[in-house]
Protein backbone atom coordinates (compact mmCIF):
# COMPACT_ATOMS: atom_id res chain seq x y z
CA MET A 1 33.87 30.19 -99.20
CA ASN A 2 34.33 26.52 -100.14
CA SER A 3 31.58 24.50 -98.49
CA ALA A 4 33.02 21.22 -99.72
CA GLN A 5 36.26 21.97 -97.90
CA ILE A 6 34.44 23.25 -94.82
CA ARG A 7 32.42 20.03 -94.75
CA LYS A 8 35.63 18.07 -94.20
CA LEU A 9 36.13 19.90 -90.89
CA PHE A 10 32.99 18.21 -89.48
CA PRO A 11 33.83 14.57 -88.68
CA ILE A 12 30.20 13.45 -88.32
CA LEU A 13 29.42 14.36 -91.94
CA ASP A 14 31.95 11.83 -93.22
CA GLN A 15 29.70 8.79 -92.88
CA GLU A 16 27.01 6.79 -94.59
CA VAL A 17 23.48 6.53 -93.22
CA ASN A 18 21.38 3.62 -94.46
CA GLY A 19 23.97 2.94 -97.15
CA HIS A 20 24.06 6.49 -98.51
CA PRO A 21 26.40 9.44 -97.88
CA LEU A 22 24.87 11.61 -95.17
CA VAL A 23 23.11 14.80 -96.22
CA TYR A 24 22.38 16.78 -93.07
CA LEU A 25 19.58 19.32 -93.53
CA ASP A 26 18.50 19.82 -89.93
CA SER A 27 20.82 22.54 -88.65
CA ALA A 28 17.91 24.72 -87.51
CA ALA A 29 17.28 22.05 -84.87
CA SER A 30 20.98 21.60 -84.07
CA SER A 31 24.12 22.17 -86.07
CA GLN A 32 27.02 19.77 -86.37
CA LYS A 33 30.36 20.46 -84.64
CA PRO A 34 33.74 21.08 -86.28
CA ILE A 35 36.78 19.22 -85.05
CA SER A 36 38.18 22.41 -83.50
CA VAL A 37 35.19 22.63 -81.13
CA ILE A 38 35.36 18.95 -80.27
CA GLU A 39 39.08 19.27 -79.55
CA ALA A 40 38.59 22.40 -77.42
CA VAL A 41 36.15 20.59 -75.13
CA LYS A 42 38.41 17.54 -75.05
CA GLN A 43 41.44 19.73 -74.23
CA TYR A 44 39.56 21.38 -71.38
CA TYR A 45 38.59 18.08 -69.79
CA GLU A 46 42.03 16.56 -70.26
CA HIS A 47 44.07 19.52 -69.00
CA ASP A 48 42.05 22.29 -67.28
CA ASN A 49 38.98 20.72 -65.68
CA ALA A 50 38.14 22.32 -62.33
CA ASN A 51 35.43 24.49 -60.81
CA VAL A 52 35.59 28.20 -61.55
CA HIS A 53 35.81 31.33 -59.37
CA ARG A 54 36.29 29.33 -56.19
CA GLY A 55 39.82 28.01 -55.95
CA VAL A 56 43.30 29.46 -55.96
CA HIS A 57 44.97 26.38 -57.41
CA THR A 58 46.31 26.35 -60.94
CA LEU A 59 43.60 24.22 -62.55
CA GLY A 60 40.91 26.42 -61.00
CA SER A 61 42.60 29.52 -62.33
CA ARG A 62 42.93 28.04 -65.83
CA ALA A 63 39.31 26.92 -65.85
CA THR A 64 38.18 30.37 -64.73
CA ASP A 65 40.28 32.05 -67.40
CA ALA A 66 38.80 29.76 -70.07
CA TYR A 67 35.23 30.35 -68.87
CA GLU A 68 35.56 34.11 -68.60
CA GLY A 69 37.49 34.18 -71.86
CA ALA A 70 34.48 32.59 -73.55
CA ARG A 71 32.27 35.34 -72.09
CA GLU A 72 34.58 37.97 -73.60
CA LYS A 73 34.38 36.23 -76.99
CA VAL A 74 30.58 36.21 -76.88
CA ALA A 75 30.48 39.89 -75.99
CA ARG A 76 32.70 40.76 -78.96
CA PHE A 77 30.79 38.43 -81.28
CA ILE A 78 27.47 40.21 -80.77
CA ASN A 79 29.09 43.61 -80.00
CA ALA A 80 27.83 43.93 -76.45
CA LYS A 81 29.13 47.04 -74.72
CA ARG A 82 30.61 45.07 -71.81
CA SER A 83 31.17 41.44 -70.90
CA GLU A 84 29.06 41.62 -67.72
CA GLU A 85 26.03 41.98 -69.98
CA ILE A 86 26.56 38.36 -71.06
CA ILE A 87 24.85 35.71 -68.94
CA PHE A 88 25.52 32.05 -69.65
CA THR A 89 22.38 29.88 -69.59
CA ARG A 90 21.41 26.38 -70.70
CA GLY A 91 20.06 27.74 -73.97
CA THR A 92 17.63 30.16 -75.57
CA THR A 93 14.68 28.70 -73.67
CA THR A 94 16.31 29.32 -70.29
CA ALA A 95 17.39 32.81 -71.33
CA LEU A 96 13.90 33.85 -72.40
CA ASN A 97 12.37 32.34 -69.27
CA LEU A 98 14.79 34.41 -67.19
CA VAL A 99 13.57 37.63 -68.78
CA ALA A 100 9.91 36.65 -68.50
CA SER A 101 10.19 35.37 -64.93
CA SER A 102 12.40 38.16 -63.58
CA TYR A 103 12.02 41.36 -65.62
CA ALA A 104 8.42 40.95 -66.80
CA ARG A 105 6.98 39.82 -63.48
CA LEU A 106 8.64 42.76 -61.75
CA ASN A 107 7.64 45.39 -64.29
CA CYS A 108 4.21 44.29 -65.54
CA GLN A 109 0.89 44.66 -63.79
CA GLU A 110 -2.80 44.37 -64.56
CA GLY A 111 -3.72 46.39 -67.62
CA ASP A 112 -0.22 46.34 -69.09
CA GLU A 113 0.55 44.66 -72.43
CA ILE A 114 3.05 42.08 -73.64
CA VAL A 115 3.34 41.99 -77.45
CA ILE A 116 4.56 38.98 -79.45
CA THR A 117 3.74 37.32 -82.82
CA PRO A 118 1.99 34.07 -83.81
CA MET A 119 5.20 32.82 -85.44
CA GLU A 120 7.07 32.44 -82.14
CA HIS A 121 8.72 29.22 -81.03
CA HIS A 122 7.04 27.90 -77.88
CA SER A 123 10.07 29.06 -75.88
CA ASN A 124 9.21 32.66 -76.80
CA LEU A 125 5.48 32.24 -76.32
CA ILE A 126 4.75 30.15 -73.22
CA PRO A 127 6.98 32.20 -70.87
CA TRP A 128 4.99 35.31 -71.84
CA GLN A 129 1.71 33.47 -71.36
CA GLN A 130 2.84 32.62 -67.85
CA ALA A 131 4.08 36.15 -67.15
CA ALA A 132 0.73 37.56 -68.32
CA LYS A 133 -1.19 35.16 -66.08
CA ALA A 134 1.03 35.99 -63.09
CA THR A 135 0.80 39.78 -63.48
CA GLY A 136 -2.60 40.36 -65.05
CA ALA A 137 -1.01 41.82 -68.17
CA MET A 138 -2.65 41.32 -71.57
CA LEU A 139 -0.93 39.23 -74.25
CA LYS A 140 -1.28 40.83 -77.70
CA TYR A 141 -0.23 39.52 -81.12
CA ILE A 142 1.07 41.33 -84.18
CA PRO A 143 -0.87 39.86 -87.15
CA LEU A 144 0.87 38.02 -89.96
CA GLN A 145 0.55 38.76 -93.66
CA PRO A 146 -0.38 35.89 -96.03
CA ASP A 147 3.31 35.10 -96.61
CA GLY A 148 4.07 35.11 -92.87
CA THR A 149 5.77 38.50 -92.73
CA ILE A 150 4.70 41.40 -90.52
CA LEU A 151 4.02 45.03 -91.41
CA LEU A 152 5.51 47.89 -89.42
CA SER A 153 2.15 49.67 -89.76
CA ASP A 154 0.58 46.81 -87.79
CA VAL A 155 3.36 47.03 -85.21
CA GLU A 156 2.61 50.74 -84.80
CA GLN A 157 -1.05 49.93 -84.14
CA ILE A 158 -0.50 47.04 -81.72
CA ILE A 159 2.19 48.64 -79.49
CA THR A 160 0.76 51.29 -77.18
CA ASP A 161 1.81 53.26 -74.12
CA ARG A 162 0.51 50.33 -72.04
CA THR A 163 2.99 47.95 -73.67
CA LYS A 164 5.81 46.95 -71.34
CA VAL A 165 7.47 44.15 -73.32
CA VAL A 166 7.80 43.36 -77.02
CA SER A 167 9.34 39.96 -77.74
CA MET A 168 9.99 38.54 -81.17
CA THR A 169 12.09 36.07 -83.07
CA TYR A 170 14.70 37.63 -85.33
CA VAL A 171 14.37 34.71 -87.78
CA SER A 172 11.40 32.34 -87.82
CA ASN A 173 12.35 28.68 -87.43
CA VAL A 174 9.42 27.71 -89.68
CA LEU A 175 8.89 30.49 -92.21
CA GLY A 176 12.46 31.72 -92.57
CA VAL A 177 11.10 35.27 -92.13
CA VAL A 178 13.71 37.82 -91.08
CA ASN A 179 11.86 40.29 -88.87
CA PRO A 180 12.76 44.01 -88.79
CA VAL A 181 13.67 43.92 -85.11
CA LYS A 182 15.74 47.10 -85.22
CA GLN A 183 12.78 49.17 -86.42
CA ILE A 184 10.44 47.39 -84.00
CA ALA A 185 12.81 48.14 -81.12
CA GLU A 186 12.61 51.83 -82.01
CA ILE A 187 8.80 51.68 -81.93
CA ALA A 188 8.84 49.80 -78.62
CA HIS A 189 11.21 52.31 -77.02
CA ARG A 190 9.09 55.20 -78.22
CA HIS A 191 6.29 53.79 -76.07
CA GLY A 192 8.52 52.98 -73.10
CA ALA A 193 8.62 49.21 -73.70
CA VAL A 194 11.65 46.92 -73.76
CA MET A 195 12.57 44.83 -76.82
CA VAL A 196 13.40 41.16 -76.37
CA VAL A 197 14.87 39.27 -79.35
CA ASP A 198 14.94 35.50 -79.79
CA GLY A 199 18.18 35.10 -81.73
CA ALA A 200 18.32 31.30 -81.86
CA GLN A 201 17.95 31.18 -85.66
CA SER A 202 19.75 34.42 -86.50
CA THR A 203 23.00 34.32 -84.51
CA PRO A 204 24.48 31.28 -86.33
CA HIS A 205 23.80 32.70 -89.77
CA MET A 206 24.39 36.46 -89.84
CA LYS A 207 26.41 39.18 -88.18
CA VAL A 208 24.61 40.39 -85.07
CA ASP A 209 25.22 43.76 -83.42
CA VAL A 210 23.06 44.18 -80.34
CA GLN A 211 24.05 47.82 -79.94
CA ASP A 212 22.98 48.59 -83.50
CA LEU A 213 19.71 46.68 -83.02
CA ASP A 214 19.28 48.55 -79.73
CA CYS A 215 17.45 45.55 -78.28
CA ASP A 216 17.24 45.34 -74.51
CA PHE A 217 17.58 41.56 -74.29
CA TYR A 218 18.89 39.06 -76.84
CA ALA A 219 18.92 35.26 -76.41
CA PHE A 220 20.61 32.47 -78.37
CA SER A 221 21.95 28.91 -78.12
CA GLY A 222 25.41 27.49 -78.72
CA HIS A 223 24.35 24.19 -80.27
CA LYS A 224 22.82 25.85 -83.33
CA MET A 225 26.07 27.69 -84.14
CA CYS A 226 28.61 24.83 -84.17
CA GLY A 227 28.95 24.84 -80.37
CA PRO A 228 28.11 22.21 -77.76
CA THR A 229 24.66 21.48 -76.39
CA GLY A 230 23.63 22.81 -72.99
CA ILE A 231 25.05 26.33 -73.37
CA GLY A 232 23.20 29.50 -74.28
CA VAL A 233 23.43 33.22 -73.78
CA LEU A 234 21.25 36.01 -72.52
CA TYR A 235 22.48 39.49 -73.38
CA GLY A 236 20.85 42.26 -71.40
CA LYS A 237 21.55 45.95 -71.05
CA LYS A 238 23.43 46.55 -67.81
CA SER A 239 20.91 49.04 -66.44
CA LEU A 240 18.12 46.47 -66.78
CA LEU A 241 20.07 43.48 -65.47
CA ASN A 242 21.15 45.43 -62.38
CA ASN A 243 17.50 45.87 -61.41
CA MET A 244 16.48 42.25 -61.99
CA GLU A 245 16.21 39.54 -59.34
CA PRO A 246 17.70 36.07 -59.90
CA ILE A 247 15.25 33.19 -60.33
CA GLU A 248 17.67 30.43 -59.26
CA PHE A 249 19.30 30.52 -55.87
CA GLY A 250 22.23 28.70 -54.31
CA GLY A 251 25.97 28.70 -54.46
CA GLU A 252 28.16 31.17 -56.34
CA MET A 253 25.44 33.74 -57.02
CA ILE A 254 25.42 35.17 -53.49
CA ASP A 255 27.26 38.03 -51.85
CA GLU A 256 26.30 37.59 -48.19
CA VAL A 257 24.06 34.89 -46.68
CA GLY A 258 22.37 35.25 -43.31
CA LEU A 259 19.89 33.04 -41.54
CA TYR A 260 16.92 35.06 -42.83
CA GLU A 261 18.21 37.33 -45.59
CA SER A 262 20.77 37.13 -48.39
CA THR A 263 22.24 39.49 -50.95
CA TRP A 264 23.39 38.80 -54.47
CA LYS A 265 26.60 39.20 -56.40
CA GLU A 266 26.99 41.73 -59.17
CA ILE A 267 25.93 40.85 -62.70
CA PRO A 268 26.32 38.49 -64.46
CA TYR A 269 27.11 36.12 -61.58
CA ARG A 270 23.85 36.64 -59.70
CA PHE A 271 22.13 34.87 -62.62
CA GLU A 272 24.59 31.95 -62.80
CA GLY A 273 23.90 30.04 -59.59
CA GLY A 274 25.70 26.75 -58.99
CA THR A 275 28.53 25.25 -60.99
CA PRO A 276 28.25 26.79 -64.47
CA ILE A 277 28.40 25.01 -67.81
CA ILE A 278 32.16 25.44 -68.06
CA ALA A 279 33.19 22.97 -70.76
CA SER A 280 30.32 23.97 -73.04
CA ALA A 281 31.20 27.65 -72.61
CA VAL A 282 34.75 26.79 -73.70
CA GLY A 283 33.29 24.95 -76.69
CA LEU A 284 31.09 27.94 -77.54
CA GLY A 285 34.17 30.16 -77.50
CA ALA A 286 35.86 27.76 -79.93
CA ALA A 287 32.77 27.80 -82.15
CA ILE A 288 32.90 31.58 -82.28
CA ASP A 289 36.57 31.40 -83.27
CA PHE A 290 35.64 28.95 -86.03
CA LEU A 291 32.78 31.07 -87.39
CA GLU A 292 34.78 34.29 -87.26
CA GLU A 293 37.68 32.70 -89.13
CA ILE A 294 35.31 31.92 -91.99
CA GLY A 295 33.48 35.24 -91.62
CA MET A 296 29.82 35.79 -90.78
CA ASP A 297 29.31 37.87 -93.93
CA GLU A 298 30.64 34.96 -96.01
CA ILE A 299 28.37 32.51 -94.22
CA GLU A 300 25.33 34.73 -94.80
CA ARG A 301 26.20 35.21 -98.46
CA HIS A 302 26.64 31.46 -98.98
CA GLU A 303 23.32 30.64 -97.29
CA HIS A 304 21.51 33.34 -99.26
CA GLN A 305 22.69 31.84 -102.56
CA LEU A 306 22.02 28.27 -101.48
CA THR A 307 18.55 29.09 -100.18
CA ALA A 308 17.63 30.76 -103.46
CA TYR A 309 18.85 27.65 -105.29
CA ALA A 310 16.82 25.42 -102.96
CA MET A 311 13.68 27.50 -103.42
CA ASP A 312 14.03 27.30 -107.21
CA ARG A 313 14.67 23.54 -107.24
CA LEU A 314 11.93 22.66 -104.75
CA SER A 315 9.41 24.84 -106.59
CA GLU A 316 9.88 22.58 -109.60
CA ILE A 317 8.24 19.67 -107.76
CA GLU A 318 4.57 19.33 -108.62
CA GLY A 319 2.30 19.12 -105.59
CA ILE A 320 4.70 20.76 -103.13
CA THR A 321 3.55 23.60 -100.85
CA ILE A 322 6.28 25.92 -99.56
CA TYR A 323 5.47 28.10 -96.56
CA GLY A 324 6.81 31.60 -96.01
CA PRO A 325 8.12 34.42 -98.19
CA GLN A 326 10.34 34.12 -101.23
CA LYS A 327 13.10 36.14 -99.55
CA ARG A 328 14.09 34.22 -96.45
CA ALA A 329 16.81 32.85 -94.21
CA GLY A 330 18.37 29.46 -94.82
CA LEU A 331 15.48 27.06 -94.34
CA VAL A 332 12.54 25.82 -96.38
CA THR A 333 9.39 24.44 -94.75
CA PHE A 334 7.01 22.52 -96.97
CA ASN A 335 4.44 19.78 -97.42
CA LEU A 336 4.32 17.27 -100.26
CA GLY A 337 0.70 16.89 -101.20
CA ASP A 338 -1.19 14.89 -98.59
CA VAL A 339 1.84 12.80 -97.61
CA HIS A 340 2.39 13.14 -93.88
CA PRO A 341 5.66 14.97 -93.13
CA HIS A 342 6.82 12.08 -90.93
CA ASP A 343 6.43 9.74 -93.91
CA VAL A 344 8.40 12.17 -96.07
CA ALA A 345 11.18 12.33 -93.48
CA THR A 346 11.23 8.55 -93.09
CA VAL A 347 11.62 7.92 -96.82
CA LEU A 348 14.33 10.57 -97.06
CA ASP A 349 16.15 9.08 -94.05
CA ALA A 350 16.30 5.75 -95.87
CA GLN A 351 18.31 7.64 -98.50
CA GLY A 352 20.66 9.20 -95.94
CA ILE A 353 18.93 12.61 -95.96
CA ALA A 354 18.13 14.16 -92.57
CA ILE A 355 15.32 16.71 -92.39
CA ARG A 356 12.92 17.72 -89.60
CA ALA A 357 9.20 16.87 -89.52
CA GLY A 358 6.53 17.97 -87.06
CA HIS A 359 5.14 21.21 -85.68
CA HIS A 360 8.65 22.58 -84.92
CA CYS A 361 7.53 23.82 -81.48
CA CYS A 362 5.19 26.26 -83.23
CA GLN A 363 1.67 24.89 -82.80
CA PRO A 364 -0.11 28.28 -83.04
CA LEU A 365 1.74 28.96 -86.28
CA MET A 366 0.79 25.52 -87.62
CA ARG A 367 -2.87 26.33 -86.99
CA TRP A 368 -2.40 29.65 -88.79
CA LEU A 369 -0.89 27.73 -91.72
CA GLU A 370 -3.79 25.24 -91.52
CA ALA A 371 -1.30 22.40 -91.30
CA SER A 372 -0.96 19.96 -88.41
CA SER A 373 2.73 19.55 -89.20
CA THR A 374 5.29 20.28 -91.91
CA ALA A 375 8.63 19.11 -93.23
CA ARG A 376 11.65 21.40 -92.97
CA ALA A 377 15.05 21.40 -94.66
CA SER A 378 17.51 23.82 -93.09
CA LEU A 379 20.87 24.85 -94.50
CA TYR A 380 24.20 25.85 -93.02
CA LEU A 381 27.76 26.63 -94.00
CA TYR A 382 28.62 22.97 -94.71
CA ASN A 383 25.75 22.40 -97.14
CA THR A 384 26.13 22.49 -100.91
CA GLU A 385 24.00 22.54 -104.05
CA GLU A 386 24.63 18.80 -104.30
CA ASP A 387 22.84 18.40 -100.96
CA VAL A 388 19.85 20.28 -102.35
CA ASP A 389 19.89 18.13 -105.48
CA ARG A 390 19.86 14.99 -103.33
CA LEU A 391 16.89 16.39 -101.40
CA VAL A 392 14.96 17.15 -104.59
CA LYS A 393 15.69 13.71 -106.01
CA GLY A 394 14.58 12.13 -102.75
CA LEU A 395 11.35 14.11 -102.70
CA ILE A 396 10.55 13.11 -106.27
CA GLN A 397 11.06 9.47 -105.30
CA THR A 398 8.88 10.01 -102.24
CA LYS A 399 6.21 11.52 -104.44
CA GLU A 400 6.31 8.49 -106.74
CA TYR A 401 6.11 6.13 -103.78
CA PHE A 402 3.08 7.94 -102.32
CA GLY A 403 1.63 8.90 -105.68
CA TYR A 404 -1.91 8.30 -104.52
CA ALA A 405 -1.57 11.11 -101.99
CA ILE A 406 -0.20 13.65 -104.45
CA GLY A 407 -2.84 13.42 -107.14
C-alpha cells in the first residue's frame, strides 16, 4: 500500500495551510474524502436526483436503485446476513439512540441492568443514562485497568442475569483501546443480554464481520470512513428489529394510516421515516468501493505500522504524557507538560498540522485520566511517516515556545 499515492486521490490534502503543506491528523473526528466519493455524489445530483420508493418515473427508479444498492454494499462490507438488517441513520449517535430509545425502553424495567464502560463516547453513554432513568434500570460500569484496557474477568463479574444490555465501543476514540467485543458478546448472551457495539472508530480501519462478532446491534458513521457527512448505519439482527417500535413517525415508514391507529412497514423502512439521506448513502457506497479496492487488511496493516512508528517518535519527546496502552488502534492521545491542549493545537495549526484538542466527547474518561482535556493525533490510510515526523518537529517547537510549562 502506497500512502503517498493514495494521498493524491484526496483533493483537499493538496493544499497549504498557513503557508505549510497540510498534514491532516484528525481522521478520528472526520476523515477526508477521495475524488471517487465526491464524484459519486456529484453524479447523483447531476443525473439521478429524485425521491426514492415513491415514484414510477425513471429518475425515481434510478435513485431508488442507487440508494438500495448502497444498502447492499453496506451489508456485504460488514457481512450482515441480509440487507434488511441495515438501517440508514444520520450517524452513529442516531443509531445508538435508536437502540436505547426503542429496544432498551421496551425490554428494560426496574431492577434490570445496562452495562457500559467509562471510556465511552457521550453518544454511547448519555442514551443509556436516559434509558436507565426512563425504565428504572441500573447503569453499571466495567472498570478500566491503569492503561485503559478492560479485563474479561471484570466483565464476568459485572454482567449478571439481570443485565439486559451491554454496550461498548469497539475502539476507543481517546485511548485507542481495541476491546474484545466478540468475547464480551459471548458473556452477554450467556446471561440473556444483547450486545451493542459502537463501531465508529473500528469500521474505517479494520475488517468487520458482525456475524463473527455475534453482536446484536452495530453502529457506525460514513464520514469517518471516507464517506459523506450525515449518513450512518445501524445493523441489527432481524429478529430484534422486527420486535422494535420506530421512534420517528411520518411519511414512508407506514403501512396503513387510520384516523386513530397506524401500522408500520417491514424493516428496515419502518426506521427510515421521511425522505432518506439518499445522496450521502450513494457516497457511502462509493466510499466502501474505495476502501475495498485498497483492502481493509492492507489499511489495518499500514495503520498498525504507522501507529507503532508514531508511538516510538512521540515517546522521544521529554515531558509528553501518552494515554492508553502500547498496543492500540491508529490514534495517539497525549498532553505536553502543562501546556493546554488548545495551545498545542493552535501552534501546530500555524505549521499546517491539524490535530484535535479537547475532551473528545468523553468527559467521564477525562476525569478518570485526571485531565481536563487532551491533544489527539489520529492516523488513516493517507498518512505517512513524514506526517508523523512533521508532528514531532512541531511538538518540539511547541515545547520550546512554552518551555516554562514543560519544566
